[in-house]
């Protein structure tokens, strides 16, 4: 179901279902090709290669280290100090392979993305999540479990993020965090569960309010929507909805329906407008993952009770093809700033907590606007 939720194609889902049977040699690649075709067998074969990759790399590193040690012991011309230095370097290399240091992890991710089918990578990511979620039944050795979890944390969770599978990345981090530091995880999890229901209510309210206000903003919609007729119809419908809402507040309205009911999904708009809005504007909300929350606690050095921004709302603008923002980059940037203005007008912004990655993108090309907002309990 993880692969289906991610929207993977039939070949990927088929390879995922057959992954364990294929690795256990209960079904051959030839049989898969005969029954399901060449597309599925390519993904299934790549899944086999991916599953063995970490172990192969460790074995290759160990074999190279052993060869160096043998050479040093037979080379009578080399000094003992040189041999000691080489052995120290070999030890450091082995430690890097075991601990997945940042340099090794980055090279590993680059290798995977360059030489492997991305669908097979997603299958491996989903499989690792399943393994960690059932680790008690699978791992008899705590050391092996922690090694697997550390590889997942350093290599595979960031890989999921690079493939735009943010939810999967967060789940992998949390599962690895739980395996590596079970007591810390349980303590944090227990604390976060205390406010889980209230947090969910606040997030949904903020999400609905922002989506409604941005959907009704003429400036923002003008640059996101291509069709002039759809845009004009949107303005008229939004005006009618606003008047109806004002009438209800003043007691003049006759309708008994709730104007906010379903408003967060644009359900009050006609079908044609709903499709246009949902394709151009997406507002989602979530709590920070357990692992992200722990990182924030450690980075800020504050008590858990003093942490405030553990909730997040994300606004994604997707200009329709041929729209103003799609054609003109400056208009696209303007749309982002307009969305931020609407958010700041709706909720109070925390001073000094706004970051502009549109004007100054990150080194990897990431562009976004970040703001810390105060969402009331009302």
Protein backbone atom coordinates (compact mmCIF):
# COMPACT_ATOMS: atom_id res chain seq x y z
CA UNK A 1 0.00 0.00 0.00
CA UNK A 2 2.96 2.34 0.57
CA UNK A 3 3.81 2.23 -3.15
CA UNK A 4 0.19 2.84 -4.12
CA UNK A 5 -0.04 5.80 -1.74
CA UNK A 6 3.06 7.26 -3.41
CA UNK A 7 1.39 6.96 -6.81
CA UNK A 8 3.91 4.50 -8.26
CA UNK A 9 3.08 2.80 -11.57
CA UNK A 10 1.93 -0.80 -12.06
CA UNK A 11 5.42 -2.08 -12.91
CA UNK A 12 6.86 -0.65 -9.70
CA UNK A 13 4.02 -2.00 -7.54
CA UNK A 14 4.34 -5.44 -9.14
CA UNK A 15 8.08 -5.51 -8.53
CA UNK A 16 7.50 -4.40 -4.95
CA UNK A 17 5.03 -7.21 -4.30
CA UNK A 18 7.47 -9.77 -5.70
CA UNK A 19 10.58 -8.32 -4.06
CA UNK A 20 10.84 -10.64 -1.06
CA UNK A 21 9.98 -13.73 -3.10
CA UNK A 22 12.58 -12.78 -5.69
CA UNK A 23 15.30 -12.18 -3.08
CA UNK A 24 14.50 -15.53 -1.46
CA UNK A 25 14.80 -17.25 -4.88
CA UNK A 26 11.21 -18.46 -4.61
CA UNK A 27 10.52 -16.95 -8.01
CA UNK A 28 13.03 -16.42 -10.80
CA UNK A 29 13.52 -13.33 -12.90
CA UNK A 30 12.76 -15.47 -15.96
CA UNK A 31 9.36 -16.37 -14.55
CA UNK A 32 8.63 -12.73 -13.73
CA UNK A 33 9.51 -11.72 -17.29
CA UNK A 34 7.35 -14.47 -18.79
CA UNK A 35 4.35 -13.66 -16.62
CA UNK A 36 4.55 -9.86 -16.24
CA UNK A 37 6.86 -8.59 -18.98
CA UNK A 38 10.27 -6.98 -19.39
CA UNK A 39 9.33 -3.75 -17.59
CA UNK A 40 8.58 -5.47 -14.30
CA UNK A 41 11.63 -7.73 -14.48
CA UNK A 42 13.92 -4.72 -14.98
CA UNK A 43 12.64 -3.12 -11.79
CA UNK A 44 12.75 -6.47 -9.92
CA UNK A 45 16.34 -7.07 -11.01
CA UNK A 46 17.35 -3.60 -9.91
CA UNK A 47 15.68 -4.26 -6.55
CA UNK A 48 17.97 -7.28 -6.11
CA UNK A 49 21.04 -5.18 -6.88
CA UNK A 50 19.97 -2.47 -4.43
CA UNK A 51 19.28 -4.91 -1.60
CA UNK A 52 22.82 -6.27 -1.67
CA UNK A 53 24.60 -2.97 -2.29
CA UNK A 54 25.50 -1.94 1.32
CA UNK A 55 26.85 -5.40 2.11
CA UNK A 56 28.85 -5.51 -1.13
CA UNK A 57 30.40 -2.14 -0.40
CA UNK A 58 31.38 -3.22 3.11
CA UNK A 59 32.88 -6.47 1.80
CA UNK A 60 34.82 -4.65 -0.92
CA UNK A 61 36.18 -2.20 1.65
CA UNK A 62 37.16 -5.01 4.02
CA UNK A 63 38.84 -6.96 1.22
CA UNK A 64 40.80 -3.87 0.18
CA UNK A 65 41.86 -3.30 3.78
CA UNK A 66 42.97 -6.92 4.12
CA UNK A 67 44.97 -6.67 0.91
CA UNK A 68 46.74 -3.55 2.16
CA UNK A 69 47.53 -5.23 5.46
CA UNK A 70 48.97 -8.27 3.67
CA UNK A 71 51.09 -6.08 1.40
CA UNK A 72 52.43 -4.13 4.38
CA UNK A 73 53.39 -7.31 6.24
CA UNK A 74 55.37 -8.68 3.25
CA UNK A 75 57.06 -5.45 2.22
CA UNK A 76 60.36 -5.64 4.12
CA UNK A 77 61.48 -2.27 2.82
CA UNK A 78 58.64 -0.35 4.48
CA UNK A 79 59.15 1.00 7.96
CA UNK A 80 57.10 -0.06 10.97
CA UNK A 81 55.81 3.50 11.36
CA UNK A 82 54.50 3.45 7.80
CA UNK A 83 52.76 0.14 8.44
CA UNK A 84 51.19 1.53 11.59
CA UNK A 85 49.96 4.60 9.71
CA UNK A 86 48.45 2.47 6.95
CA UNK A 87 46.73 0.23 9.47
CA UNK A 88 45.31 3.33 11.18
CA UNK A 89 43.98 4.60 7.84
CA UNK A 90 42.41 1.21 7.16
CA UNK A 91 40.76 1.30 10.57
CA UNK A 92 39.39 4.76 9.86
CA UNK A 93 38.03 3.59 6.49
CA UNK A 94 36.30 0.65 8.13
CA UNK A 95 34.83 2.98 10.72
CA UNK A 96 33.50 5.23 7.97
CA UNK A 97 31.83 2.31 6.26
CA UNK A 98 30.24 1.23 9.53
CA UNK A 99 29.14 4.65 10.74
CA UNK A 100 28.03 6.04 7.35
CA UNK A 101 29.77 9.38 7.75
CA UNK A 102 28.41 12.33 5.78
CA UNK A 103 30.92 12.04 2.94
CA UNK A 104 30.27 8.34 2.41
CA UNK A 105 26.50 8.79 2.69
CA UNK A 106 26.49 11.56 0.08
CA UNK A 107 28.56 9.47 -2.36
CA UNK A 108 26.24 6.53 -1.77
CA UNK A 109 23.13 8.61 -2.53
CA UNK A 110 24.72 10.06 -5.66
CA UNK A 111 25.65 6.56 -6.84
CA UNK A 112 22.13 5.24 -6.26
CA UNK A 113 20.44 8.13 -8.08
CA UNK A 114 22.89 7.89 -10.99
CA UNK A 115 22.98 4.16 -11.67
CA UNK A 116 19.63 2.80 -10.45
CA UNK A 117 16.01 3.03 -11.53
CA UNK A 118 14.24 5.49 -9.23
CA UNK A 119 11.28 3.11 -8.98
CA UNK A 120 13.54 0.39 -7.61
CA UNK A 121 14.92 2.89 -5.09
CA UNK A 122 11.39 3.69 -3.91
CA UNK A 123 10.70 -0.04 -3.51
CA UNK A 124 13.85 -0.34 -1.38
CA UNK A 125 12.80 2.66 0.72
CA UNK A 126 9.34 1.22 1.33
CA UNK A 127 10.87 -2.15 2.19
CA UNK A 128 13.27 -0.60 4.70
CA UNK A 129 10.39 1.16 6.40
CA UNK A 130 8.49 -2.11 6.68
CA UNK A 131 11.56 -3.89 8.07
CA UNK A 132 12.14 -1.22 10.72
CA UNK A 133 8.47 -1.24 11.70
CA UNK A 134 8.71 -5.00 12.30
CA UNK A 135 12.30 -5.04 13.56
CA UNK A 136 11.56 -7.12 16.67
CA UNK A 137 10.48 -10.07 14.54
CA UNK A 138 13.31 -9.67 12.00
CA UNK A 139 16.51 -8.75 13.85
CA UNK A 140 17.92 -11.05 16.51
CA UNK A 141 21.04 -8.91 16.93
CA UNK A 142 20.73 -5.39 18.34
CA UNK A 143 24.00 -4.43 16.64
CA UNK A 144 22.69 -5.50 13.23
CA UNK A 145 19.45 -3.60 13.80
CA UNK A 146 21.31 -0.43 14.74
CA UNK A 147 23.61 -0.75 11.74
CA UNK A 148 20.57 -1.11 9.47
CA UNK A 149 18.86 1.84 11.16
CA UNK A 150 21.96 4.03 10.88
CA UNK A 151 22.27 3.27 7.15
CA UNK A 152 18.61 4.17 6.78
CA UNK A 153 19.03 7.43 8.69
CA UNK A 154 22.16 8.60 6.88
CA UNK A 155 21.60 7.29 3.35
CA UNK A 156 18.06 6.25 2.61
CA UNK A 157 15.88 8.82 4.43
CA UNK A 158 17.64 11.75 2.67
CA UNK A 159 17.33 9.77 -0.56
CA UNK A 160 13.54 9.66 -0.11
CA UNK A 161 13.56 13.45 0.37
CA UNK A 162 15.62 13.87 -2.82
CA UNK A 163 12.96 11.88 -4.68
CA UNK A 164 10.24 14.22 -3.33
CA UNK A 165 8.82 11.55 -1.01
CA UNK A 166 8.77 13.78 2.06
CA UNK A 167 6.30 11.73 4.10
CA UNK A 168 8.22 8.53 3.44
CA UNK A 169 11.47 10.27 4.42
CA UNK A 170 9.96 11.40 7.74
CA UNK A 171 8.64 7.91 8.47
CA UNK A 172 12.06 6.39 7.75
CA UNK A 173 13.76 8.89 10.05
CA UNK A 174 11.29 8.20 12.85
CA UNK A 175 11.62 4.43 12.50
CA UNK A 176 15.43 4.66 12.48
CA UNK A 177 15.37 7.06 15.43
CA UNK A 178 13.24 4.59 17.40
CA UNK A 179 15.65 1.75 16.65
CA UNK A 180 18.77 3.73 17.52
CA UNK A 181 17.53 5.57 20.62
CA UNK A 182 14.42 3.74 21.90
CA UNK A 183 14.23 5.48 25.30
CA UNK A 184 14.59 8.98 23.83
CA UNK A 185 11.98 8.16 21.21
CA UNK A 186 9.48 6.82 23.73
CA UNK A 187 9.92 9.85 26.00
CA UNK A 188 9.45 12.31 23.14
CA UNK A 189 6.54 10.36 21.67
CA UNK A 190 4.72 10.31 25.00
CA UNK A 191 5.17 14.08 25.38
CA UNK A 192 3.97 14.89 21.85
CA UNK A 193 0.89 12.68 22.16
CA UNK A 194 -0.38 14.86 24.98
CA UNK A 195 -1.23 17.66 22.54
CA UNK A 196 -1.88 15.55 19.46
CA UNK A 197 -5.64 16.22 19.20
CA UNK A 198 -5.36 19.95 19.86
CA UNK A 199 -2.50 20.23 17.37
CA UNK A 200 -4.50 18.42 14.70
CA UNK A 201 -7.45 20.79 15.23
CA UNK A 202 -5.22 23.89 15.00
CA UNK A 203 -3.51 22.64 11.86
CA UNK A 204 -6.74 21.82 10.06
CA UNK A 205 -8.22 25.19 10.96
CA UNK A 206 -5.13 27.06 9.75
CA UNK A 207 -5.05 25.01 6.55
CA UNK A 208 -8.70 25.68 5.74
CA UNK A 209 -8.49 29.40 6.49
CA UNK A 210 -5.39 29.92 4.35
CA UNK A 211 -6.77 27.90 1.46
CA UNK A 212 -10.04 29.83 1.51
CA UNK A 213 -8.39 33.24 1.66
CA UNK A 214 -5.83 32.46 -1.05
CA UNK A 215 -8.49 30.95 -3.31
CA UNK A 216 -10.47 34.20 -3.09
CA UNK A 217 -7.50 36.52 -3.66
CA UNK A 218 -7.85 38.11 -7.10
CA UNK A 219 -4.17 39.10 -7.41
CA UNK A 220 -2.88 35.63 -6.65
CA UNK A 221 -5.40 33.82 -8.83
CA UNK A 222 -4.75 36.17 -11.76
CA UNK A 223 -1.16 34.96 -12.15
CA UNK A 224 -1.89 31.28 -11.39
CA UNK A 225 -4.89 30.63 -13.65
CA UNK A 226 -4.55 30.78 -17.42
CA UNK A 227 -8.15 30.94 -18.67
CA UNK A 228 -9.66 34.44 -18.44
CA UNK A 229 -13.19 33.04 -18.33
CA UNK A 230 -12.35 30.75 -15.41
CA UNK A 231 -10.73 33.68 -13.63
CA UNK A 232 -13.77 35.93 -14.12
CA UNK A 233 -16.11 33.17 -12.96
CA UNK A 234 -13.91 32.64 -9.93
CA UNK A 235 -14.15 36.32 -8.97
CA UNK A 236 -17.94 36.35 -9.32
CA UNK A 237 -18.35 33.14 -7.30
CA UNK A 238 -15.99 34.37 -4.56
CA UNK A 239 -17.93 37.64 -4.34
CA UNK A 240 -21.23 35.78 -3.99
CA UNK A 241 -19.77 33.54 -1.30
CA UNK A 242 -18.43 36.55 0.60
CA UNK A 243 -21.82 38.31 0.42
CA UNK A 244 -23.59 35.18 1.60
CA UNK A 245 -21.19 34.91 4.52
CA UNK A 246 -21.76 38.59 5.47
CA UNK A 247 -25.54 38.10 5.32
CA UNK A 248 -25.32 35.16 7.69
CA UNK A 249 -23.23 37.14 10.14
CA UNK A 250 -25.76 39.99 10.09
CA UNK A 251 -28.67 37.58 10.45
CA UNK A 252 -30.14 38.31 6.99
CA UNK A 253 -29.21 35.01 5.41
CA UNK A 254 -31.79 32.29 4.85
CA UNK A 255 -29.44 29.42 4.15
CA UNK A 256 -28.71 27.04 6.99
CA UNK A 257 -25.55 25.56 5.54
CA UNK A 258 -22.17 26.26 7.10
CA UNK A 259 -20.08 28.45 4.82
CA UNK A 260 -16.91 26.88 6.22
CA UNK A 261 -18.09 23.32 5.69
CA UNK A 262 -15.71 21.80 3.21
CA UNK A 263 -14.38 25.26 2.42
CA UNK A 264 -10.84 24.04 3.00
CA UNK A 265 -11.16 21.85 -0.10
CA UNK A 266 -12.96 24.46 -2.28
CA UNK A 267 -16.11 22.31 -2.21
CA UNK A 268 -18.34 25.39 -2.31
CA UNK A 269 -17.14 26.20 -5.83
CA UNK A 270 -18.62 24.70 -9.02
CA UNK A 271 -16.79 21.61 -10.32
CA UNK A 272 -14.94 23.48 -13.11
CA UNK A 273 -13.59 26.07 -10.68
CA UNK A 274 -12.73 23.44 -8.11
CA UNK A 275 -10.54 21.60 -10.60
CA UNK A 276 -8.75 24.82 -11.58
CA UNK A 277 -8.17 25.87 -7.97
CA UNK A 278 -6.99 22.49 -6.74
CA UNK A 279 -4.52 22.21 -9.61
CA UNK A 280 -3.06 25.68 -9.02
CA UNK A 281 -3.04 25.84 -5.22
CA UNK A 282 -2.36 23.22 -2.57
CA UNK A 283 -2.31 23.82 1.18
CA UNK A 284 -1.25 20.95 3.44
CA UNK A 285 -0.56 20.75 7.16
CA UNK A 286 1.44 18.42 9.37
CA UNK A 287 3.24 18.12 12.70
CA UNK A 288 6.99 17.84 12.70
CA UNK A 289 8.14 14.24 12.83
CA UNK A 290 9.58 12.78 16.03
CA UNK A 291 13.09 12.92 14.60
CA UNK A 292 12.73 16.52 13.39
CA UNK A 293 11.36 17.52 16.80
CA UNK A 294 14.32 15.91 18.56
CA UNK A 295 16.78 17.68 16.25
CA UNK A 296 15.11 20.99 17.03
CA UNK A 297 15.31 20.36 20.77
CA UNK A 298 19.01 19.51 20.54
CA UNK A 299 19.79 22.41 18.19
CA UNK A 300 17.94 25.08 20.16
CA UNK A 301 19.00 23.75 23.56
CA UNK A 302 15.62 24.64 25.04
CA UNK A 303 13.22 22.70 27.24
CA UNK A 304 10.58 20.81 25.31
CA UNK A 305 7.81 22.86 26.91
CA UNK A 306 9.28 26.05 25.40
CA UNK A 307 9.24 24.81 21.82
CA UNK A 308 6.53 26.45 19.75
CA UNK A 309 6.98 25.80 16.04
CA UNK A 310 6.46 22.04 15.90
CA UNK A 311 3.50 22.46 13.55
CA UNK A 312 3.76 23.31 9.88
CA UNK A 313 1.52 24.43 7.02
CA UNK A 314 2.83 24.23 3.48
CA UNK A 315 1.49 26.25 0.56
CA UNK A 316 2.43 25.00 -2.91
CA UNK A 317 1.71 27.21 -5.92
CA UNK A 318 1.51 25.35 -9.22
CA UNK A 319 0.75 27.87 -12.01
CA UNK A 320 -1.34 26.46 -14.83
CA UNK A 321 0.54 25.93 -18.07
CA UNK A 322 0.38 29.11 -20.09
CA UNK A 323 -0.57 31.29 -17.10
CA UNK A 324 1.26 34.51 -16.29
CA UNK A 325 3.32 32.90 -13.52
CA UNK A 326 4.16 29.94 -15.78
CA UNK A 327 5.52 32.20 -18.52
CA UNK A 328 7.18 34.91 -16.45
CA UNK A 329 9.59 33.97 -13.65
CA UNK A 330 9.21 37.34 -11.90
CA UNK A 331 5.44 36.85 -11.77
CA UNK A 332 5.98 33.40 -10.26
CA UNK A 333 8.15 34.93 -7.54
CA UNK A 334 5.53 37.63 -7.02
CA UNK A 335 2.90 34.94 -6.50
CA UNK A 336 4.99 33.45 -3.70
CA UNK A 337 5.35 36.81 -1.97
CA UNK A 338 1.62 37.46 -2.40
CA UNK A 339 0.80 34.13 -0.73
CA UNK A 340 3.12 35.07 2.13
CA UNK A 341 1.39 38.46 2.48
CA UNK A 342 -1.97 36.71 2.78
CA UNK A 343 -0.58 34.36 5.44
CA UNK A 344 0.87 37.27 7.43
CA UNK A 345 -2.40 39.19 7.16
CA UNK A 346 -4.30 36.16 8.42
CA UNK A 347 -2.00 35.12 11.28
CA UNK A 348 0.54 37.19 13.20
CA UNK A 349 4.11 36.58 12.05
CA UNK A 350 6.87 36.08 14.64
CA UNK A 351 9.41 38.88 14.29
CA UNK A 352 12.78 37.74 12.98
CA UNK A 353 11.52 34.30 11.96
CA UNK A 354 10.97 34.92 8.25
CA UNK A 355 13.42 33.43 5.74
CA UNK A 356 13.55 34.32 2.06
CA UNK A 357 14.96 31.50 -0.08
CA UNK A 358 13.32 32.94 -3.21
CA UNK A 359 15.59 35.99 -3.38
CA UNK A 360 18.53 33.95 -2.05
CA UNK A 361 18.12 30.28 -3.04
CA UNK A 362 20.05 27.56 -1.23
CA UNK A 363 23.10 26.03 -2.90
CA UNK A 364 21.05 23.08 -4.15
CA UNK A 365 18.59 25.42 -5.91
CA UNK A 366 15.87 25.19 -3.25
CA UNK A 367 13.53 28.19 -3.32
CA UNK A 368 10.82 28.90 -0.77
CA UNK A 369 9.54 31.40 1.78
CA UNK A 370 9.49 30.43 5.45
CA UNK A 371 7.51 32.22 8.16
CA UNK A 372 6.75 31.45 11.80
CA UNK A 373 3.11 32.32 12.52
CA UNK A 374 1.07 32.51 15.70
CA UNK A 375 -2.13 30.47 15.35
CA UNK A 376 -4.66 31.18 18.09
CA UNK A 377 -6.78 28.52 19.75
CA UNK A 378 -10.03 30.17 18.52
